[in-house]
Amino acid sequence: MATMKALVFQELENADSLEWIDFERPQAGLGEVVVRVKASALNHRDVWILQGLYAGIKVPIILGSDGSGIVEEVGSGISEDWIGEEVIINPALDWGIDPRAQQSAFRILGLPDHGTQAEYVKVPAVNLVKKPAYLSFEEAAAIPLGGLTGYRALFSQGGLKAGETVLLTGIGGGVAALMFKMARAAGANVLVTSGGDAKIEKAIAAGAMGGANYRQEGWAKTIKKAAGKEGISLIVDSAGGEGFLDLPGIVNPGGRIVFFGATAGNPSGIDLRRIFWKQITIQGTTMGTPRDFADMVRLFETHRIQPIIDGPFPMSDHRTAYQRMIDGKQFGKIVLTI
């Protein structure tokens, strides 16, 4: 049995059981390839799995949804021309044929399928996109899950256009950091919120037109003032919670609110009258279609967008990287390298 090194989660709700150990190396089957991983990136999903806060956890499991690398092996039905190609992996498996929503077989790489925090990963060949040459492997690994989620939220679901103003909540997170880059590249104006002033200052230095600390009283008024007379056409939120209640009051009449998370819980007491009177669209979203992924990578390549990297950290120092995400200290995507 051929083996490899992998970061394996071995015991439920025991984060210390996540270890860099020998594990069975995958083999490519029908329609599949094996990629030699050069870099992987962390998502909150990985932390939630370690903490037992995710559905359908099984062990042992190799975590990691984001990855970039070099194709080393192809299965039957796949052209050998892929061998040696530098690629980005689309972590959205088996989306289905309806672009409006994923099918029942949809899943995300890294659970239940073994993920990218390993020397090798097996994926369907249809989930490969050639890595833009200007990106390093570390930068490419920072894009997939967050870039796909953010692209669909901004453009496919949010309909963001050049000249509009978008508010991105929680700018320190990896998805928000990628959305910031994409929105700016598309010619939109960007406002941000964060629970830390330093992250707001970084965003403004990078081109945001303003921001507000959501921990401070009156933050919504601060954001509306920063938006100016044109106001806010789109809000993208990933936290939910009581802060979501302020969003209908901030967005323009006829505006859109798109959200893809509820880490702060479900809001209570939402003002339905304000929503229907202002004719606001509230749209849920998650991950994205293969077309969304290809269009997202094309946007990055066209505008030579450089994702913001936190790290990188060697895979052997995974505990530092994971703790940094748990503590919320990152700005951008935390990347692990092999």
C-alpha atoms as a PDB file:
ATOM      1  CA  MET A   1       0.000   0.000   0.000  1.00  0.00           C
ATOM      2  CA  ALA A   2       1.408   3.350  -1.076  1.00  0.00           C
ATOM      3  CA  THR A   3       1.392   5.980   1.658  1.00  0.00           C
ATOM      4  CA  MET A   4       1.700   9.754   1.990  1.00  0.00           C
ATOM      5  CA  LYS A   5       1.813  12.340   4.750  1.00  0.00           C
ATOM      6  CA  ALA A   6      -1.559  13.853   5.648  1.00  0.00           C
ATOM      7  CA  LEU A   7      -3.144  15.990   8.333  1.00  0.00           C
ATOM      8  CA  VAL A   8      -5.657  13.479   9.713  1.00  0.00           C
ATOM      9  CA  PHE A   9      -8.471  14.179  12.187  1.00  0.00           C
ATOM     10  CA  GLN A  10      -8.722  10.910  14.118  1.00  0.00           C
ATOM     11  CA  GLU A  11     -11.103  11.298  17.097  1.00  0.00           C
ATOM     12  CA  LEU A  12     -14.432  13.118  17.284  1.00  0.00           C
ATOM     13  CA  GLU A  13     -14.358  16.373  19.276  1.00  0.00           C
ATOM     14  CA  ASN A  14     -10.663  15.906  20.054  1.00  0.00           C
ATOM     15  CA  ALA A  15      -8.780  18.657  18.236  1.00  0.00           C
ATOM     16  CA  ASP A  16      -5.471  17.267  19.506  1.00  0.00           C
ATOM     17  CA  SER A  17      -6.075  14.164  17.376  1.00  0.00           C
ATOM     18  CA  LEU A  18      -5.392  16.250  14.262  1.00  0.00           C
ATOM     19  CA  GLU A  19      -1.891  15.052  13.364  1.00  0.00           C
ATOM     20  CA  TRP A  20       0.510  15.033  10.411  1.00  0.00           C
ATOM     21  CA  ILE A  21       0.909  11.269   9.956  1.00  0.00           C
ATOM     22  CA  ASP A  22       1.318   8.524   7.364  1.00  0.00           C
ATOM     23  CA  PHE A  23      -1.921   7.703   5.546  1.00  0.00           C
ATOM     24  CA  GLU A  24      -3.018   5.700   2.528  1.00  0.00           C
ATOM     25  CA  ARG A  25      -2.278   7.507  -0.727  1.00  0.00           C
ATOM     26  CA  PRO A  26      -5.304   7.865  -3.051  1.00  0.00           C
ATOM     27  CA  GLN A  27      -5.526   6.326  -6.513  1.00  0.00           C
ATOM     28  CA  ALA A  28      -7.406   7.856  -9.430  1.00  0.00           C
ATOM     29  CA  GLY A  29     -10.552   6.044 -10.529  1.00  0.00           C
ATOM     30  CA  LEU A  30     -12.924   6.607 -13.441  1.00  0.00           C
ATOM     31  CA  GLY A  31     -13.045  10.315 -14.296  1.00  0.00           C
ATOM     32  CA  GLU A  32     -10.665  11.231 -11.473  1.00  0.00           C
ATOM     33  CA  VAL A  33      -7.172  12.640 -11.044  1.00  0.00           C
ATOM     34  CA  VAL A  34      -4.647  12.682  -8.225  1.00  0.00           C
ATOM     35  CA  VAL A  35      -3.131  16.092  -7.505  1.00  0.00           C
ATOM     36  CA  ARG A  36       0.168  16.562  -5.675  1.00  0.00           C
ATOM     37  CA  VAL A  37      -0.815  19.320  -3.268  1.00  0.00           C
ATOM     38  CA  LYS A  38       1.495  22.320  -3.043  1.00  0.00           C
ATOM     39  CA  ALA A  39      -0.661  24.501  -0.780  1.00  0.00           C
ATOM     40  CA  SER A  40      -3.949  24.330   1.117  1.00  0.00           C
ATOM     41  CA  ALA A  41      -5.982  26.972   2.931  1.00  0.00           C
ATOM     42  CA  LEU A  42      -8.114  26.923   6.058  1.00  0.00           C
ATOM     43  CA  ASN A  43     -11.823  27.663   6.303  1.00  0.00           C
ATOM     44  CA  HIS A  44     -14.095  28.011   9.329  1.00  0.00           C
ATOM     45  CA  ARG A  45     -15.572  24.705   8.184  1.00  0.00           C
ATOM     46  CA  ASP A  46     -12.339  22.935   9.183  1.00  0.00           C
ATOM     47  CA  VAL A  47     -12.481  24.401  12.687  1.00  0.00           C
ATOM     48  CA  TRP A  48     -16.165  23.553  13.113  1.00  0.00           C
ATOM     49  CA  ILE A  49     -15.444  19.926  12.176  1.00  0.00           C
ATOM     50  CA  LEU A  50     -12.679  19.753  14.788  1.00  0.00           C
ATOM     51  CA  GLN A  51     -15.077  21.148  17.380  1.00  0.00           C
ATOM     52  CA  GLY A  52     -17.848  18.706  16.491  1.00  0.00           C
ATOM     53  CA  LEU A  53     -20.082  21.524  15.227  1.00  0.00           C
ATOM     54  CA  TYR A  54     -20.641  20.189  11.706  1.00  0.00           C
ATOM     55  CA  ALA A  55     -23.122  17.635  10.420  1.00  0.00           C
ATOM     56  CA  GLY A  56     -22.085  14.153   9.283  1.00  0.00           C
ATOM     57  CA  ILE A  57     -18.573  14.093  10.758  1.00  0.00           C
ATOM     58  CA  LYS A  58     -16.716  10.839  10.234  1.00  0.00           C
ATOM     59  CA  VAL A  59     -13.216   9.875  11.297  1.00  0.00           C
ATOM     60  CA  PRO A  60     -10.535   9.384  10.261  1.00  0.00           C
ATOM     61  CA  ILE A  61     -10.824  12.242   7.770  1.00  0.00           C
ATOM     62  CA  ILE A  62      -8.352  14.472   5.946  1.00  0.00           C
ATOM     63  CA  LEU A  63      -9.706  18.020   6.186  1.00  0.00           C
ATOM     64  CA  GLY A  64      -9.210  20.858   3.716  1.00  0.00           C
ATOM     65  CA  SER A  65     -11.469  22.192   0.958  1.00  0.00           C
ATOM     66  CA  ASP A  66      -8.996  24.593  -0.656  1.00  0.00           C
ATOM     67  CA  GLY A  67      -5.979  23.451  -2.600  1.00  0.00           C
ATOM     68  CA  SER A  68      -3.645  23.968  -5.526  1.00  0.00           C
ATOM     69  CA  GLY A  69      -1.005  21.695  -6.953  1.00  0.00           C
ATOM     70  CA  ILE A  70       0.204  19.628  -9.886  1.00  0.00           C
ATOM     71  CA  VAL A  71      -1.681  16.757 -11.529  1.00  0.00           C
ATOM     72  CA  GLU A  72       0.336  13.587 -11.049  1.00  0.00           C
ATOM     73  CA  GLU A  73      -2.028  10.764 -12.028  1.00  0.00           C
ATOM     74  CA  VAL A  74      -5.161  10.408 -14.160  1.00  0.00           C
ATOM     75  CA  GLY A  75      -7.829   7.733 -14.036  1.00  0.00           C
ATOM     76  CA  SER A  76      -9.622   6.022 -16.906  1.00  0.00           C
ATOM     77  CA  GLY A  77     -11.447   8.336 -19.279  1.00  0.00           C
ATOM     78  CA  ILE A  78      -9.176  11.302 -18.525  1.00  0.00           C
ATOM     79  CA  SER A  79      -6.602  12.651 -20.965  1.00  0.00           C
ATOM     80  CA  GLU A  80      -2.972  12.251 -19.948  1.00  0.00           C
ATOM     81  CA  ASP A  81      -2.493  15.841 -21.137  1.00  0.00           C
ATOM     82  CA  TRP A  82      -3.531  16.811 -17.597  1.00  0.00           C
ATOM     83  CA  ILE A  83      -0.391  15.249 -16.119  1.00  0.00           C
ATOM     84  CA  GLY A  84       2.029  17.976 -15.035  1.00  0.00           C
ATOM     85  CA  GLU A  85      -0.579  20.763 -15.206  1.00  0.00           C
ATOM     86  CA  GLU A  86      -0.643  23.301 -12.381  1.00  0.00           C
ATOM     87  CA  VAL A  87      -4.232  23.495 -11.158  1.00  0.00           C
ATOM     88  CA  ILE A  88      -6.719  25.008  -8.720  1.00  0.00           C
ATOM     89  CA  ILE A  89      -9.281  22.596  -7.270  1.00  0.00           C
ATOM     90  CA  ASN A  90     -12.985  23.469  -7.219  1.00  0.00           C
ATOM     91  CA  PRO A  91     -14.165  22.099  -3.837  1.00  0.00           C
ATOM     92  CA  ALA A  92     -17.873  22.002  -4.813  1.00  0.00           C
ATOM     93  CA  LEU A  93     -18.508  18.362  -5.752  1.00  0.00           C
ATOM     94  CA  ASP A  94     -21.539  17.220  -7.784  1.00  0.00           C
ATOM     95  CA  TRP A  95     -23.477  20.508  -7.846  1.00  0.00           C
ATOM     96  CA  GLY A  96     -26.004  19.176 -10.358  1.00  0.00           C
ATOM     97  CA  ILE A  97     -27.741  20.640 -13.415  1.00  0.00           C
ATOM     98  CA  ASP A  98     -29.852  23.388 -11.815  1.00  0.00           C
ATOM     99  CA  PRO A  99     -27.851  26.635 -11.469  1.00  0.00           C
ATOM    100  CA  ARG A 100     -30.354  27.974  -8.921  1.00  0.00           C
ATOM    101  CA  ALA A 101     -29.459  25.461  -6.188  1.00  0.00           C
ATOM    102  CA  GLN A 102     -27.347  22.373  -5.550  1.00  0.00           C
ATOM    103  CA  GLN A 103     -28.675  18.811  -5.912  1.00  0.00           C
ATOM    104  CA  SER A 104     -28.997  16.325  -3.033  1.00  0.00           C
ATOM    105  CA  ALA A 105     -25.670  14.630  -3.906  1.00  0.00           C
ATOM    106  CA  PHE A 106     -23.764  17.919  -3.514  1.00  0.00           C
ATOM    107  CA  ARG A 107     -20.929  17.926  -1.004  1.00  0.00           C
ATOM    108  CA  ILE A 108     -17.797  19.899  -0.190  1.00  0.00           C
ATOM    109  CA  LEU A 109     -14.281  18.505  -0.466  1.00  0.00           C
ATOM    110  CA  GLY A 110     -12.803  17.743   2.954  1.00  0.00           C
ATOM    111  CA  LEU A 111     -15.832  15.877   4.403  1.00  0.00           C
ATOM    112  CA  PRO A 112     -17.098  13.326   3.558  1.00  0.00           C
ATOM    113  CA  ASP A 113     -14.411  13.040   0.846  1.00  0.00           C
ATOM    114  CA  HIS A 114     -10.779  13.322   1.984  1.00  0.00           C
ATOM    115  CA  GLY A 115      -9.493  16.844   1.466  1.00  0.00           C
ATOM    116  CA  THR A 116      -6.441  18.874   0.542  1.00  0.00           C
ATOM    117  CA  GLN A 117      -4.431  18.943   3.800  1.00  0.00           C
ATOM    118  CA  ALA A 118      -2.218  16.152   2.522  1.00  0.00           C
ATOM    119  CA  GLU A 119       0.568  15.482   0.076  1.00  0.00           C
ATOM    120  CA  TYR A 120      -1.967  14.119  -2.436  1.00  0.00           C
ATOM    121  CA  VAL A 121      -5.711  14.479  -3.009  1.00  0.00           C
ATOM    122  CA  LYS A 122      -8.097  12.665  -5.363  1.00  0.00           C
ATOM    123  CA  VAL A 123     -10.786  14.733  -7.135  1.00  0.00           C
ATOM    124  CA  PRO A 124     -13.003  14.505 -10.232  1.00  0.00           C
ATOM    125  CA  ALA A 125     -11.196  15.894 -13.260  1.00  0.00           C
ATOM    126  CA  VAL A 126     -14.159  18.200 -13.928  1.00  0.00           C
ATOM    127  CA  ASN A 127     -13.257  20.007 -10.702  1.00  0.00           C
ATOM    128  CA  LEU A 128      -9.914  21.209 -12.050  1.00  0.00           C
ATOM    129  CA  VAL A 129      -9.167  24.645 -13.459  1.00  0.00           C
ATOM    130  CA  LYS A 130      -5.701  25.527 -14.727  1.00  0.00           C
ATOM    131  CA  LYS A 131      -3.878  27.803 -12.299  1.00  0.00           C
ATOM    132  CA  PRO A 132      -3.324  31.309 -13.653  1.00  0.00           C
ATOM    133  CA  ALA A 133       0.421  31.632 -14.187  1.00  0.00           C
ATOM    134  CA  TYR A 134       0.706  34.913 -12.261  1.00  0.00           C
ATOM    135  CA  LEU A 135      -0.489  33.280  -9.032  1.00  0.00           C
ATOM    136  CA  SER A 136       1.814  31.373  -6.692  1.00  0.00           C
ATOM    137  CA  PHE A 137       0.539  28.043  -5.364  1.00  0.00           C
ATOM    138  CA  GLU A 138      -0.059  29.735  -2.006  1.00  0.00           C
ATOM    139  CA  GLU A 139      -2.159  32.483  -3.599  1.00  0.00           C
ATOM    140  CA  ALA A 140      -4.057  29.978  -5.739  1.00  0.00           C
ATOM    141  CA  ALA A 141      -4.886  27.849  -2.685  1.00  0.00           C
ATOM    142  CA  ALA A 142      -6.404  30.910  -0.995  1.00  0.00           C
ATOM    143  CA  ILE A 143      -9.069  31.297  -3.670  1.00  0.00           C
ATOM    144  CA  PRO A 144     -11.329  28.235  -4.163  1.00  0.00           C
ATOM    145  CA  LEU A 145     -14.025  27.964  -1.462  1.00  0.00           C
ATOM    146  CA  GLY A 146     -13.982  31.614  -0.445  1.00  0.00           C
ATOM    147  CA  GLY A 147     -13.675  32.883  -3.989  1.00  0.00           C
ATOM    148  CA  LEU A 148     -16.513  30.686  -5.234  1.00  0.00           C
ATOM    149  CA  THR A 149     -18.789  31.604  -2.331  1.00  0.00           C
ATOM    150  CA  GLY A 150     -17.946  35.296  -2.633  1.00  0.00           C
ATOM    151  CA  TYR A 151     -18.279  35.446  -6.424  1.00  0.00           C
ATOM    152  CA  ARG A 152     -21.735  33.877  -6.365  1.00  0.00           C
ATOM    153  CA  ALA A 153     -22.815  36.160  -3.508  1.00  0.00           C
ATOM    154  CA  LEU A 154     -21.599  39.326  -5.238  1.00  0.00           C
ATOM    155  CA  PHE A 155     -22.448  38.662  -8.870  1.00  0.00           C
ATOM    156  CA  SER A 156     -24.614  35.590  -9.552  1.00  0.00           C
ATOM    157  CA  GLN A 157     -26.978  36.250  -6.629  1.00  0.00           C
ATOM    158  CA  GLY A 158     -26.196  39.864  -5.735  1.00  0.00           C
ATOM    159  CA  GLY A 159     -26.063  41.275  -9.266  1.00  0.00           C
ATOM    160  CA  LEU A 160     -23.300  43.737  -8.364  1.00  0.00           C
ATOM    161  CA  LYS A 161     -22.445  46.220 -11.116  1.00  0.00           C
ATOM    162  CA  ALA A 162     -19.673  48.752 -11.655  1.00  0.00           C
ATOM    163  CA  GLY A 163     -20.362  52.023  -9.882  1.00  0.00           C
ATOM    164  CA  GLU A 164     -22.604  50.505  -7.208  1.00  0.00           C
ATOM    165  CA  THR A 165     -21.679  50.471  -3.524  1.00  0.00           C
ATOM    166  CA  VAL A 166     -21.526  47.179  -1.641  1.00  0.00           C
ATOM    167  CA  LEU A 167     -21.224  46.726   2.126  1.00  0.00           C
ATOM    168  CA  LEU A 168     -19.172  43.706   3.214  1.00  0.00           C
ATOM    169  CA  THR A 169     -19.612  42.732   6.842  1.00  0.00           C
ATOM    170  CA  GLY A 170     -16.790  41.130   8.849  1.00  0.00           C
ATOM    171  CA  ILE A 171     -13.955  42.227   6.576  1.00  0.00           C
ATOM    172  CA  GLY A 172     -11.246  40.285   8.436  1.00  0.00           C
ATOM    173  CA  GLY A 173     -12.557  36.904   7.246  1.00  0.00           C
ATOM    174  CA  GLY A 174     -11.157  35.073   4.253  1.00  0.00           C
ATOM    175  CA  VAL A 175     -14.303  35.197   2.104  1.00  0.00           C
ATOM    176  CA  ALA A 176     -14.853  38.889   2.814  1.00  0.00           C
ATOM    177  CA  ALA A 177     -11.235  39.665   1.939  1.00  0.00           C
ATOM    178  CA  LEU A 178     -11.645  37.919  -1.423  1.00  0.00           C
ATOM    179  CA  MET A 179     -14.972  39.656  -2.069  1.00  0.00           C
ATOM    180  CA  PHE A 180     -13.292  42.981  -1.354  1.00  0.00           C
ATOM    181  CA  LYS A 181     -10.731  42.311  -4.080  1.00  0.00           C
ATOM    182  CA  MET A 182     -13.333  41.090  -6.587  1.00  0.00           C
ATOM    183  CA  ALA A 183     -15.758  43.955  -5.982  1.00  0.00           C
ATOM    184  CA  ARG A 184     -13.004  46.529  -6.394  1.00  0.00           C
ATOM    185  CA  ALA A 185     -11.785  44.837  -9.593  1.00  0.00           C
ATOM    186  CA  ALA A 186     -15.336  44.942 -10.978  1.00  0.00           C
ATOM    187  CA  GLY A 187     -15.503  48.712 -10.432  1.00  0.00           C
ATOM    188  CA  ALA A 188     -17.729  48.771  -7.353  1.00  0.00           C
ATOM    189  CA  ASN A 189     -17.296  50.950  -4.271  1.00  0.00           C
ATOM    190  CA  VAL A 190     -16.781  49.008  -1.050  1.00  0.00           C
ATOM    191  CA  LEU A 191     -17.742  49.735   2.550  1.00  0.00           C
ATOM    192  CA  VAL A 192     -16.801  47.382   5.374  1.00  0.00           C
ATOM    193  CA  THR A 193     -17.595  46.503   8.961  1.00  0.00           C
ATOM    194  CA  SER A 194     -15.490  44.690  11.532  1.00  0.00           C
ATOM    195  CA  GLY A 195     -15.284  44.187  15.266  1.00  0.00           C
ATOM    196  CA  GLY A 196     -11.730  45.536  15.204  1.00  0.00           C
ATOM    197  CA  ASP A 197     -10.622  49.020  14.155  1.00  0.00           C
ATOM    198  CA  ALA A 198      -7.277  47.753  12.842  1.00  0.00           C
ATOM    199  CA  LYS A 199      -9.015  45.581  10.227  1.00  0.00           C
ATOM    200  CA  ILE A 200     -11.141  48.526   9.100  1.00  0.00           C
ATOM    201  CA  GLU A 201      -8.031  50.678   8.759  1.00  0.00           C
ATOM    202  CA  LYS A 202      -6.353  47.975   6.653  1.00  0.00           C
ATOM    203  CA  ALA A 203      -9.373  47.802   4.369  1.00  0.00           C
ATOM    204  CA  ILE A 204      -9.473  51.581   3.920  1.00  0.00           C
ATOM    205  CA  ALA A 205      -5.754  51.590   3.152  1.00  0.00           C
ATOM    206  CA  ALA A 206      -6.473  48.928   0.499  1.00  0.00           C
ATOM    207  CA  GLY A 207      -9.193  51.025  -1.151  1.00  0.00           C
ATOM    208  CA  ALA A 208     -12.397  50.794   0.885  1.00  0.00           C
ATOM    209  CA  MET A 209     -14.359  54.052   0.907  1.00  0.00           C
ATOM    210  CA  GLY A 210     -15.120  53.722   4.613  1.00  0.00           C
ATOM    211  CA  GLY A 211     -16.043  51.416   7.455  1.00  0.00           C
ATOM    212  CA  ALA A 212     -17.566  51.052  10.900  1.00  0.00           C
ATOM    213  CA  ASN A 213     -16.981  48.958  13.995  1.00  0.00           C
ATOM    214  CA  TYR A 214     -20.171  46.974  14.590  1.00  0.00           C
ATOM    215  CA  ARG A 215     -19.358  46.740  18.300  1.00  0.00           C
ATOM    216  CA  GLN A 216     -19.837  50.498  18.642  1.00  0.00           C
ATOM    217  CA  GLU A 217     -23.235  52.097  19.140  1.00  0.00           C
ATOM    218  CA  GLY A 218     -24.495  53.931  16.067  1.00  0.00           C
ATOM    219  CA  TRP A 219     -22.380  51.956  13.591  1.00  0.00           C
ATOM    220  CA  ALA A 220     -25.266  51.793  11.107  1.00  0.00           C
ATOM    221  CA  LYS A 221     -25.503  55.586  10.950  1.00  0.00           C
ATOM    222  CA  THR A 222     -21.736  55.775  10.437  1.00  0.00           C
ATOM    223  CA  ILE A 223     -21.984  53.418   7.459  1.00  0.00           C
ATOM    224  CA  LYS A 224     -24.910  55.283   5.902  1.00  0.00           C
ATOM    225  CA  LYS A 225     -22.994  58.548   6.190  1.00  0.00           C
ATOM    226  CA  ALA A 226     -19.916  56.997   4.578  1.00  0.00           C
ATOM    227  CA  ALA A 227     -22.054  55.738   1.686  1.00  0.00           C
ATOM    228  CA  GLY A 228     -23.028  59.280   0.708  1.00  0.00           C
ATOM    229  CA  LYS A 229     -26.025  60.236  -1.382  1.00  0.00           C
ATOM    230  CA  GLU A 230     -25.770  57.204  -3.681  1.00  0.00           C
ATOM    231  CA  GLY A 231     -26.321  54.878  -0.738  1.00  0.00           C
ATOM    232  CA  ILE A 232     -25.745  51.120  -0.582  1.00  0.00           C
ATOM    233  CA  SER A 233     -27.106  48.904  -3.360  1.00  0.00           C
ATOM    234  CA  LEU A 234     -25.928  45.532  -2.005  1.00  0.00           C
ATOM    235  CA  ILE A 235     -25.011  44.087   1.388  1.00  0.00           C
ATOM    236  CA  VAL A 236     -23.259  40.734   1.720  1.00  0.00           C
ATOM    237  CA  ASP A 237     -23.357  39.243   5.213  1.00  0.00           C
ATOM    238  CA  SER A 238     -22.043  36.000   6.673  1.00  0.00           C
ATOM    239  CA  ALA A 239     -22.815  36.394  10.370  1.00  0.00           C
ATOM    240  CA  GLY A 240     -26.544  36.885  10.823  1.00  0.00           C
ATOM    241  CA  GLY A 241     -27.411  37.447  14.500  1.00  0.00           C
ATOM    242  CA  GLU A 242     -28.935  40.619  15.866  1.00  0.00           C
ATOM    243  CA  GLY A 243     -26.730  42.750  13.626  1.00  0.00           C
ATOM    244  CA  PHE A 244     -28.741  41.474  10.653  1.00  0.00           C
ATOM    245  CA  LEU A 245     -31.706  43.498  11.942  1.00  0.00           C
ATOM    246  CA  ASP A 246     -29.920  46.744  11.029  1.00  0.00           C
ATOM    247  CA  LEU A 247     -29.270  45.758   7.412  1.00  0.00           C
ATOM    248  CA  PRO A 248     -32.720  46.531   5.913  1.00  0.00           C
ATOM    249  CA  GLY A 249     -32.432  50.043   7.329  1.00  0.00           C
ATOM    250  CA  ILE A 250     -29.021  50.563   5.693  1.00  0.00           C
ATOM    251  CA  VAL A 251     -29.624  49.267   2.159  1.00  0.00           C
ATOM    252  CA  ASN A 252     -31.243  51.400  -0.559  1.00  0.00           C
ATOM    253  CA  PRO A 253     -34.898  50.982  -1.551  1.00  0.00           C
ATOM    254  CA  GLY A 254     -34.916  48.194  -4.125  1.00  0.00           C
ATOM    255  CA  GLY A 255     -31.565  47.004  -2.802  1.00  0.00           C
ATOM    256  CA  ARG A 256     -30.302  43.482  -2.180  1.00  0.00           C
ATOM    257  CA  ILE A 257     -29.108  41.660   0.924  1.00  0.00           C
ATOM    258  CA  VAL A 258     -27.258  38.394   0.258  1.00  0.00           C
ATOM    259  CA  PHE A 259     -26.116  36.142   3.083  1.00  0.00           C
ATOM    260  CA  PHE A 260     -24.290  32.824   3.368  1.00  0.00           C
ATOM    261  CA  GLY A 261     -23.834  32.221   7.077  1.00  0.00           C
ATOM    262  CA  ALA A 262     -25.338  32.538  10.526  1.00  0.00           C
ATOM    263  CA  THR A 263     -22.321  32.265  12.816  1.00  0.00           C
ATOM    264  CA  ALA A 264     -23.902  34.826  15.169  1.00  0.00           C
ATOM    265  CA  GLY A 265     -27.211  32.954  15.208  1.00  0.00           C
ATOM    266  CA  ASN A 266     -30.683  33.652  13.863  1.00  0.00           C
ATOM    267  CA  PRO A 267     -31.980  37.217  14.292  1.00  0.00           C
ATOM    268  CA  SER A 268     -35.213  37.722  16.205  1.00  0.00           C
ATOM    269  CA  GLY A 269     -37.710  40.516  15.635  1.00  0.00           C
ATOM    270  CA  ILE A 270     -36.849  41.351  12.024  1.00  0.00           C
ATOM    271  CA  ASP A 271     -38.906  44.280  10.665  1.00  0.00           C
ATOM    272  CA  LEU A 272     -40.879  42.781   7.774  1.00  0.00           C
ATOM    273  CA  ARG A 273     -42.681  46.065   7.097  1.00  0.00           C
ATOM    274  CA  ARG A 274     -39.420  47.814   6.277  1.00  0.00           C
ATOM    275  CA  ILE A 275     -38.431  44.989   3.941  1.00  0.00           C
ATOM    276  CA  PHE A 276     -41.607  44.973   1.858  1.00  0.00           C
ATOM    277  CA  TRP A 277     -42.027  48.766   1.857  1.00  0.00           C
ATOM    278  CA  LYS A 278     -38.490  49.294   0.622  1.00  0.00           C
ATOM    279  CA  GLN A 279     -38.908  46.336  -1.789  1.00  0.00           C
ATOM    280  CA  ILE A 280     -35.692  44.742  -0.594  1.00  0.00           C
ATOM    281  CA  THR A 281     -34.521  41.382  -1.934  1.00  0.00           C
ATOM    282  CA  ILE A 282     -33.074  39.023   0.690  1.00  0.00           C
ATOM    283  CA  GLN A 283     -31.211  36.177  -0.977  1.00  0.00           C
ATOM    284  CA  GLY A 284     -29.501  33.135   0.521  1.00  0.00           C
ATOM    285  CA  THR A 285     -26.473  31.604  -1.171  1.00  0.00           C
ATOM    286  CA  THR A 286     -23.892  28.887  -0.628  1.00  0.00           C
ATOM    287  CA  MET A 287     -20.840  27.808  -2.632  1.00  0.00           C
ATOM    288  CA  GLY A 288     -21.546  27.933  -6.394  1.00  0.00           C
ATOM    289  CA  THR A 289     -21.839  26.209  -9.759  1.00  0.00           C
ATOM    290  CA  PRO A 290     -18.962  25.036 -11.974  1.00  0.00           C
ATOM    291  CA  ARG A 291     -19.666  28.079 -14.162  1.00  0.00           C
ATOM    292  CA  ASP A 292     -19.448  30.361 -11.116  1.00  0.00           C
ATOM    293  CA  PHE A 293     -16.055  28.832 -10.318  1.00  0.00           C
ATOM    294  CA  ALA A 294     -14.714  29.228 -13.861  1.00  0.00           C
ATOM    295  CA  ASP A 295     -16.006  32.815 -14.067  1.00  0.00           C
ATOM    296  CA  MET A 296     -14.453  33.605 -10.682  1.00  0.00           C
ATOM    297  CA  VAL A 297     -11.019  32.351 -11.751  1.00  0.00           C
ATOM    298  CA  ARG A 298     -11.374  34.295 -15.018  1.00  0.00           C
ATOM    299  CA  LEU A 299     -12.119  37.481 -13.054  1.00  0.00           C
ATOM    300  CA  PHE A 300      -9.000  36.936 -10.971  1.00  0.00           C
ATOM    301  CA  GLU A 301      -6.883  36.326 -14.063  1.00  0.00           C
ATOM    302  CA  THR A 302      -8.302  39.236 -16.085  1.00  0.00           C
ATOM    303  CA  HIS A 303      -7.626  41.750 -13.318  1.00  0.00           C
ATOM    304  CA  ARG A 304      -4.577  39.941 -11.897  1.00  0.00           C
ATOM    305  CA  ILE A 305      -6.148  39.989  -8.452  1.00  0.00           C
ATOM    306  CA  GLN A 306      -3.738  39.102  -5.645  1.00  0.00           C
ATOM    307  CA  PRO A 307      -5.534  37.383  -2.744  1.00  0.00           C
ATOM    308  CA  ILE A 308      -4.554  38.429   0.757  1.00  0.00           C
ATOM    309  CA  ILE A 309      -2.515  35.684   2.448  1.00  0.00           C
ATOM    310  CA  ASP A 310      -2.241  35.162   6.197  1.00  0.00           C
ATOM    311  CA  GLY A 311       0.946  33.169   6.693  1.00  0.00           C
ATOM    312  CA  PRO A 312       1.773  30.885   5.003  1.00  0.00           C
ATOM    313  CA  PHE A 313       2.423  28.219   7.632  1.00  0.00           C
ATOM    314  CA  PRO A 314       4.135  24.873   7.028  1.00  0.00           C
ATOM    315  CA  MET A 315       1.799  21.898   7.440  1.00  0.00           C
ATOM    316  CA  SER A 316       3.934  20.802  10.399  1.00  0.00           C
ATOM    317  CA  ASP A 317       2.863  24.020  12.184  1.00  0.00           C
ATOM    318  CA  HIS A 318      -0.845  23.383  11.619  1.00  0.00           C
ATOM    319  CA  ARG A 319      -1.724  23.965  15.281  1.00  0.00           C
ATOM    320  CA  THR A 320      -0.575  27.585  15.076  1.00  0.00           C
ATOM    321  CA  ALA A 321      -2.585  28.109  11.903  1.00  0.00           C
ATOM    322  CA  TYR A 322      -5.755  26.558  13.303  1.00  0.00           C
ATOM    323  CA  GLN A 323      -5.468  28.498  16.561  1.00  0.00           C
ATOM    324  CA  ARG A 324      -5.089  31.719  14.600  1.00  0.00           C
ATOM    325  CA  MET A 325      -8.416  31.051  12.906  1.00  0.00           C
ATOM    326  CA  ILE A 326     -10.087  30.048  16.187  1.00  0.00           C
ATOM    327  CA  ASP A 327      -8.874  33.312  17.759  1.00  0.00           C
ATOM    328  CA  GLY A 328     -10.015  35.374  14.759  1.00  0.00           C
ATOM    329  CA  LYS A 329      -6.599  36.996  14.322  1.00  0.00           C
ATOM    330  CA  GLN A 330      -6.306  36.445  10.570  1.00  0.00           C
ATOM    331  CA  PHE A 331      -6.630  39.061   7.851  1.00  0.00           C
ATOM    332  CA  GLY A 332      -7.175  37.167   4.624  1.00  0.00           C
ATOM    333  CA  LYS A 333      -6.813  33.451   4.013  1.00  0.00           C
ATOM    334  CA  ILE A 334      -4.671  31.310   6.284  1.00  0.00           C
ATOM    335  CA  VAL A 335      -2.540  29.135   4.020  1.00  0.00           C
ATOM    336  CA  LEU A 336      -0.694  25.887   4.758  1.00  0.00           C
ATOM    337  CA  THR A 337       2.179  24.736   2.562  1.00  0.00           C
ATOM    338  CA  ILE A 338       3.759  21.368   1.864  1.00  0.00           C
END
